[in-house]
Structure formats: C-alpha cells, structure tokens
C-alpha cells in the first residue's frame, strides 16, 4: 500500500534484530501487521483481509 500511496508510510523490521520492538508490539510470530500502534494481523492474511482490517481501523469509531 505504501508503494501505491504517498500518504502511507511503511517499515519492515527484523524482530530478532530489534527485540525491544518485538516486545513492545508483542510479536510472537511473523509476519505481524501493525497500524497506528495497533496490531492488525498475526500471520499471513489474504490482501483483502488486511485491507478490511485497515479500513475498520480508519472508520470513525476505530473498531476492528
């Protein structure tokens, strides 16, 4: 998504190289998707599911 939209910023982090981040975001497995400091997905999900989670986060009530 970050490639397609300049309003989205994305980073990929190797959990073993940044254990403080893995602990902060409670990473127990990879991949783990985090958006706006909220864990959206543990493990690989279909693209549609990730987008649905992000859209729910972006909704006015911000509920997943």
PDB file of N, CA and C in Angstrom:
ATOM      1  N   UNK A   1       0.819  -1.189   0.000  1.00  0.00           N
ATOM      2  CA  UNK A   1       0.000   0.000   0.000  1.00  0.00           C
ATOM      3  C   UNK A   1       0.863   1.253   0.000  1.00  0.00           C
ATOM      4  N   UNK A   2       1.993   1.202   0.715  1.00  0.00           N
ATOM      5  CA  UNK A   2       2.860   2.374   0.780  1.00  0.00           C
ATOM      6  C   UNK A   2       3.473   2.695  -0.577  1.00  0.00           C
ATOM      7  N   UNK A   3       3.642   1.685  -1.404  1.00  0.00           N
ATOM      8  CA  UNK A   3       4.175   1.921  -2.751  1.00  0.00           C
ATOM      9  C   UNK A   3       3.156   2.675  -3.601  1.00  0.00           C
ATOM     10  N   UNK A   4       1.892   2.377  -3.408  1.00  0.00           N
ATOM     11  CA  UNK A   4       0.823   2.966  -4.219  1.00  0.00           C
ATOM     12  C   UNK A   4       0.365   4.338  -3.742  1.00  0.00           C
ATOM     13  N   UNK A   5       0.546   4.634  -2.451  1.00  0.00           N
ATOM     14  CA  UNK A   5       0.016   5.879  -1.890  1.00  0.00           C
ATOM     15  C   UNK A   5       1.098   6.583  -1.074  1.00  0.00           C
ATOM     16  N   UNK A   6       1.416   7.806  -1.433  1.00  0.00           N
ATOM     17  CA  UNK A   6       2.467   8.538  -0.719  1.00  0.00           C
ATOM     18  C   UNK A   6       2.033   9.010   0.665  1.00  0.00           C
ATOM     19  N   UNK A   7       0.769   8.825   1.022  1.00  0.00           N
ATOM     20  CA  UNK A   7       0.284   9.185   2.362  1.00  0.00           C
ATOM     21  C   UNK A   7       0.458   8.044   3.358  1.00  0.00           C
ATOM     22  N   UNK A   8       0.935   6.900   2.878  1.00  0.00           N
ATOM     23  CA  UNK A   8       1.148   5.735   3.735  1.00  0.00           C
ATOM     24  C   UNK A   8       2.644   5.520   3.896  1.00  0.00           C
ATOM     25  N   UNK A   9       3.071   5.367   5.131  1.00  0.00           N
ATOM     26  CA  UNK A   9       4.468   5.104   5.438  1.00  0.00           C
ATOM     27  C   UNK A   9       4.552   3.697   6.007  1.00  0.00           C
ATOM     28  N   UNK A  10       5.488   2.912   5.523  1.00  0.00           N
ATOM     29  CA  UNK A  10       5.635   1.535   5.995  1.00  0.00           C
ATOM     30  C   UNK A  10       7.096   1.240   6.284  1.00  0.00           C
ATOM     31  N   UNK A  11       7.299   0.398   7.283  1.00  0.00           N
ATOM     32  CA  UNK A  11       8.625  -0.098   7.626  1.00  0.00           C
ATOM     33  C   UNK A  11       8.522  -1.595   7.841  1.00  0.00           C
ATOM     34  N   UNK A  12       9.590  -2.291   7.530  1.00  0.00           N
ATOM     35  CA  UNK A  12       9.681  -3.711   7.817  1.00  0.00           C
ATOM     36  C   UNK A  12      10.868  -3.882   8.750  1.00  0.00           C
ATOM     37  N   UNK A  13      10.654  -4.626   9.835  1.00  0.00           N
ATOM     38  CA  UNK A  13      11.678  -4.762  10.865  1.00  0.00           C
ATOM     39  C   UNK A  13      11.936  -6.241  11.108  1.00  0.00           C
ATOM     40  N   UNK A  14      13.197  -6.594  11.220  1.00  0.00           N
ATOM     41  CA  UNK A  14      13.584  -7.953  11.603  1.00  0.00           C
ATOM     42  C   UNK A  14      13.483  -8.047  13.122  1.00  0.00           C
ATOM     43  N   UNK A  15      12.534  -8.840  13.616  1.00  0.00           N
ATOM     44  CA  UNK A  15      12.236  -8.908  15.051  1.00  0.00           C
ATOM     45  C   UNK A  15      13.443  -9.330  15.875  1.00  0.00           C
ATOM     46  N   UNK A  16      14.276 -10.216  15.353  1.00  0.00           N
ATOM     47  CA  UNK A  16      15.437 -10.663  16.133  1.00  0.00           C
ATOM     48  C   UNK A  16      16.508  -9.591  16.244  1.00  0.00           C
ATOM     49  N   UNK A  17      16.514  -8.648  15.330  1.00  0.00           N
ATOM     50  CA  UNK A  17      17.485  -7.556  15.383  1.00  0.00           C
ATOM     51  C   UNK A  17      16.997  -6.382  16.235  1.00  0.00           C
ATOM     52  N   UNK A  18      15.699  -6.320  16.473  1.00  0.00           N
ATOM     53  CA  UNK A  18      15.108  -5.244  17.265  1.00  0.00           C
ATOM     54  C   UNK A  18      14.192  -5.836  18.335  1.00  0.00           C
ATOM     55  N   UNK A  19      14.765  -6.541  19.304  1.00  0.00           N
ATOM     56  CA  UNK A  19      13.924  -7.215  20.305  1.00  0.00           C
ATOM     57  C   UNK A  19      13.052  -6.266  21.110  1.00  0.00           C
ATOM     58  N   UNK A  20      13.488  -5.022  21.293  1.00  0.00           N
ATOM     59  CA  UNK A  20      12.660  -4.064  22.040  1.00  0.00           C
ATOM     60  C   UNK A  20      11.360  -3.770  21.289  1.00  0.00           C
ATOM     61  N   UNK A  21      11.417  -3.728  19.967  1.00  0.00           N
ATOM     62  CA  UNK A  21      10.192  -3.521  19.184  1.00  0.00           C
ATOM     63  C   UNK A  21       9.321  -4.776  19.200  1.00  0.00           C
ATOM     64  N   UNK A  22       9.947  -5.942  19.108  1.00  0.00           N
ATOM     65  CA  UNK A  22       9.189  -7.194  19.172  1.00  0.00           C
ATOM     66  C   UNK A  22       8.441  -7.300  20.496  1.00  0.00           C
ATOM     67  N   UNK A  23       9.091  -6.903  21.567  1.00  0.00           N
ATOM     68  CA  UNK A  23       8.447  -6.937  22.878  1.00  0.00           C
ATOM     69  C   UNK A  23       7.346  -5.879  22.965  1.00  0.00           C
ATOM     70  N   UNK A  24       7.625  -4.683  22.479  1.00  0.00           N
ATOM     71  CA  UNK A  24       6.649  -3.587  22.535  1.00  0.00           C
ATOM     72  C   UNK A  24       5.345  -3.948  21.829  1.00  0.00           C
ATOM     73  N   UNK A  25       5.463  -4.627  20.681  1.00  0.00           N
ATOM     74  CA  UNK A  25       4.288  -4.966  19.886  1.00  0.00           C
ATOM     75  C   UNK A  25       3.851  -6.411  20.061  1.00  0.00           C
ATOM     76  N   UNK A  26       4.424  -7.088  21.064  1.00  0.00           N
ATOM     77  CA  UNK A  26       4.022  -8.456  21.404  1.00  0.00           C
ATOM     78  C   UNK A  26       4.106  -9.393  20.193  1.00  0.00           C
ATOM     79  N   UNK A  27       5.227  -9.347  19.514  1.00  0.00           N
ATOM     80  CA  UNK A  27       5.425 -10.191  18.336  1.00  0.00           C
ATOM     81  C   UNK A  27       5.777 -11.595  18.800  1.00  0.00           C
ATOM     82  N   UNK A  28       4.899 -12.542  18.486  1.00  0.00           N
ATOM     83  CA  UNK A  28       5.134 -13.946  18.818  1.00  0.00           C
ATOM     84  C   UNK A  28       5.407 -14.765  17.558  1.00  0.00           C
ATOM     85  N   UNK A  29       5.071 -14.222  16.425  1.00  0.00           N
ATOM     86  CA  UNK A  29       5.286 -14.878  15.143  1.00  0.00           C
ATOM     87  C   UNK A  29       5.329 -13.832  14.061  1.00  0.00           C
ATOM     88  N   UNK A  30       5.765 -14.248  12.904  1.00  0.00           N
ATOM     89  CA  UNK A  30       5.842 -13.321  11.782  1.00  0.00           C
ATOM     90  C   UNK A  30       5.106 -13.900  10.587  1.00  0.00           C
ATOM     91  N   UNK A  31       4.559 -13.103   9.739  1.00  0.00           N
ATOM     92  CA  UNK A  31       4.536 -11.645   9.824  1.00  0.00           C
ATOM     93  C   UNK A  31       3.515 -11.154  10.848  1.00  0.00           C
ATOM     94  N   UNK A  32       3.723  -9.950  11.296  1.00  0.00           N
ATOM     95  CA  UNK A  32       2.775  -9.266  12.183  1.00  0.00           C
ATOM     96  C   UNK A  32       2.564  -7.884  11.601  1.00  0.00           C
ATOM     97  N   UNK A  33       1.325  -7.529  11.399  1.00  0.00           N
ATOM     98  CA  UNK A  33       0.987  -6.234  10.824  1.00  0.00           C
ATOM     99  C   UNK A  33       0.502  -5.310  11.923  1.00  0.00           C
ATOM    100  N   UNK A  34       1.119  -4.140  12.005  1.00  0.00           N
ATOM    101  CA  UNK A  34       0.776  -3.114  12.994  1.00  0.00           C
ATOM    102  C   UNK A  34       0.413  -1.852  12.230  1.00  0.00           C
ATOM    103  N   UNK A  35      -0.659  -1.198  12.618  1.00  0.00           N
ATOM    104  CA  UNK A  35      -1.031   0.093  12.017  1.00  0.00           C
ATOM    105  C   UNK A  35      -1.486   1.012  13.136  1.00  0.00           C
ATOM    106  N   UNK A  36      -0.945   2.213  13.155  1.00  0.00           N
ATOM    107  CA  UNK A  36      -1.307   3.199  14.181  1.00  0.00           C
ATOM    108  C   UNK A  36      -1.175   2.619  15.580  1.00  0.00           C
ATOM    109  N   UNK A  37      -0.069   1.886  15.815  1.00  0.00           N
ATOM    110  CA  UNK A  37       0.245   1.306  17.113  1.00  0.00           C
ATOM    111  C   UNK A  37      -0.695   0.180  17.539  1.00  0.00           C
ATOM    112  N   UNK A  38      -1.535  -0.319  16.625  1.00  0.00           N
ATOM    113  CA  UNK A  38      -2.484  -1.393  16.931  1.00  0.00           C
ATOM    114  C   UNK A  38      -2.140  -2.595  16.071  1.00  0.00           C
ATOM    115  N   UNK A  39      -2.082  -3.772  16.701  1.00  0.00           N
ATOM    116  CA  UNK A  39      -1.842  -4.999  15.954  1.00  0.00           C
ATOM    117  C   UNK A  39      -3.055  -5.369  15.132  1.00  0.00           C
ATOM    118  N   UNK A  40      -2.879  -5.476  13.826  1.00  0.00           N
ATOM    119  CA  UNK A  40      -3.995  -5.786  12.943  1.00  0.00           C
ATOM    120  C   UNK A  40      -4.043  -7.245  12.527  1.00  0.00           C
ATOM    121  N   UNK A  41      -2.889  -7.880  12.438  1.00  0.00           N
ATOM    122  CA  UNK A  41      -2.874  -9.250  11.941  1.00  0.00           C
ATOM    123  C   UNK A  41      -1.648  -9.982  12.446  1.00  0.00           C
ATOM    124  N   UNK A  42      -1.880 -11.204  12.914  1.00  0.00           N
ATOM    125  CA  UNK A  42      -0.793 -12.117  13.250  1.00  0.00           C
ATOM    126  C   UNK A  42      -0.773 -13.180  12.173  1.00  0.00           C
ATOM    127  N   UNK A  43       0.362 -13.321  11.524  1.00  0.00           N
ATOM    128  CA  UNK A  43       0.477 -14.298  10.456  1.00  0.00           C
ATOM    129  C   UNK A  43       0.077 -13.702   9.120  1.00  0.00           C
ATOM    130  N   UNK A  44       0.239 -14.511   8.113  1.00  0.00           N
ATOM    131  CA  UNK A  44      -0.096 -14.066   6.760  1.00  0.00           C
ATOM    132  C   UNK A  44      -1.610 -14.110   6.561  1.00  0.00           C
ATOM    133  N   UNK A  45      -2.136 -13.051   6.005  1.00  0.00           N
ATOM    134  CA  UNK A  45      -3.563 -12.974   5.687  1.00  0.00           C
ATOM    135  C   UNK A  45      -3.713 -12.624   4.219  1.00  0.00           C
ATOM    136  N   UNK A  46      -4.842 -12.997   3.632  1.00  0.00           N
ATOM    137  CA  UNK A  46      -5.100 -12.533   2.266  1.00  0.00           C
ATOM    138  C   UNK A  46      -5.157 -11.008   2.238  1.00  0.00           C
ATOM    139  N   UNK A  47      -4.761 -10.447   1.130  1.00  0.00           N
ATOM    140  CA  UNK A  47      -4.730  -8.985   0.979  1.00  0.00           C
ATOM    141  C   UNK A  47      -6.066  -8.351   1.352  1.00  0.00           C
ATOM    142  N   UNK A  48      -7.156  -8.984   0.967  1.00  0.00           N
ATOM    143  CA  UNK A  48      -8.487  -8.436   1.246  1.00  0.00           C
ATOM    144  C   UNK A  48      -8.735  -8.325   2.748  1.00  0.00           C
ATOM    145  N   UNK A  49      -8.261  -9.294   3.510  1.00  0.00           N
ATOM    146  CA  UNK A  49      -8.463  -9.269   4.964  1.00  0.00           C
ATOM    147  C   UNK A  49      -7.650  -8.155   5.611  1.00  0.00           C
ATOM    148  N   UNK A  50      -6.425  -7.960   5.163  1.00  0.00           N
ATOM    149  CA  UNK A  50      -5.592  -6.878   5.704  1.00  0.00           C
ATOM    150  C   UNK A  50      -6.234  -5.533   5.397  1.00  0.00           C
ATOM    151  N   UNK A  51      -6.703  -5.358   4.177  1.00  0.00           N
ATOM    152  CA  UNK A  51      -7.357  -4.103   3.792  1.00  0.00           C
ATOM    153  C   UNK A  51      -8.615  -3.881   4.616  1.00  0.00           C
ATOM    154  N   UNK A  52      -9.402  -4.924   4.839  1.00  0.00           N
ATOM    155  CA  UNK A  52     -10.618  -4.800   5.651  1.00  0.00           C
ATOM    156  C   UNK A  52     -10.261  -4.368   7.072  1.00  0.00           C
ATOM    157  N   UNK A  53      -9.197  -4.935   7.643  1.00  0.00           N
ATOM    158  CA  UNK A  53      -8.772  -4.544   8.992  1.00  0.00           C
ATOM    159  C   UNK A  53      -8.334  -3.084   9.034  1.00  0.00           C
ATOM    160  N   UNK A  54      -7.609  -2.652   8.021  1.00  0.00           N
ATOM    161  CA  UNK A  54      -7.157  -1.259   7.975  1.00  0.00           C
ATOM    162  C   UNK A  54      -8.343  -0.318   7.796  1.00  0.00           C
ATOM    163  N   UNK A  55      -9.285  -0.686   6.956  1.00  0.00           N
ATOM    164  CA  UNK A  55     -10.474   0.145   6.764  1.00  0.00           C
ATOM    165  C   UNK A  55     -11.279   0.239   8.059  1.00  0.00           C
ATOM    166  N   UNK A  56     -11.376  -0.857   8.793  1.00  0.00           N
ATOM    167  CA  UNK A  56     -12.092  -0.823  10.072  1.00  0.00           C
ATOM    168  C   UNK A  56     -11.376   0.099  11.060  1.00  0.00           C
ATOM    169  N   UNK A  57     -10.052   0.062  11.065  1.00  0.00           N
ATOM    170  CA  UNK A  57      -9.283   0.938  11.934  1.00  0.00           C
ATOM    171  C   UNK A  57      -9.495   2.402  11.556  1.00  0.00           C
ATOM    172  N   UNK A  58      -9.650   2.664  10.279  1.00  0.00           N
ATOM    173  CA  UNK A  58      -9.832   4.025   9.787  1.00  0.00           C
ATOM    174  C   UNK A  58     -11.260   4.531   9.932  1.00  0.00           C
ATOM    175  N   UNK A  59     -12.186   3.655  10.323  1.00  0.00           N
ATOM    176  CA  UNK A  59     -13.585   4.069  10.474  1.00  0.00           C
ATOM    177  C   UNK A  59     -13.704   5.049  11.641  1.00  0.00           C
ATOM    178  N   UNK A  60     -14.792   5.816  11.682  1.00  0.00           N
ATOM    179  CA  UNK A  60     -14.945   6.835  12.733  1.00  0.00           C
ATOM    180  C   UNK A  60     -14.812   6.291  14.163  1.00  0.00           C
ATOM    181  N   UNK A  61     -15.306   5.075  14.417  1.00  0.00           N
ATOM    182  CA  UNK A  61     -15.188   4.525  15.774  1.00  0.00           C
ATOM    183  C   UNK A  61     -13.875   3.797  15.977  1.00  0.00           C
ATOM    184  N   UNK A  62     -13.143   3.537  14.910  1.00  0.00           N
ATOM    185  CA  UNK A  62     -11.822   2.929  15.005  1.00  0.00           C
ATOM    186  C   UNK A  62     -11.823   1.514  15.544  1.00  0.00           C
ATOM    187  N   UNK A  63     -12.923   0.822  15.400  1.00  0.00           N
ATOM    188  CA  UNK A  63     -13.032  -0.528  15.947  1.00  0.00           C
ATOM    189  C   UNK A  63     -12.714  -1.573  14.883  1.00  0.00           C
ATOM    190  N   UNK A  64     -11.993  -2.592  15.295  1.00  0.00           N
ATOM    191  CA  UNK A  64     -11.687  -3.706  14.409  1.00  0.00           C
ATOM    192  C   UNK A  64     -12.740  -4.769  14.533  1.00  0.00           C
TER     193      UNK A  64
END
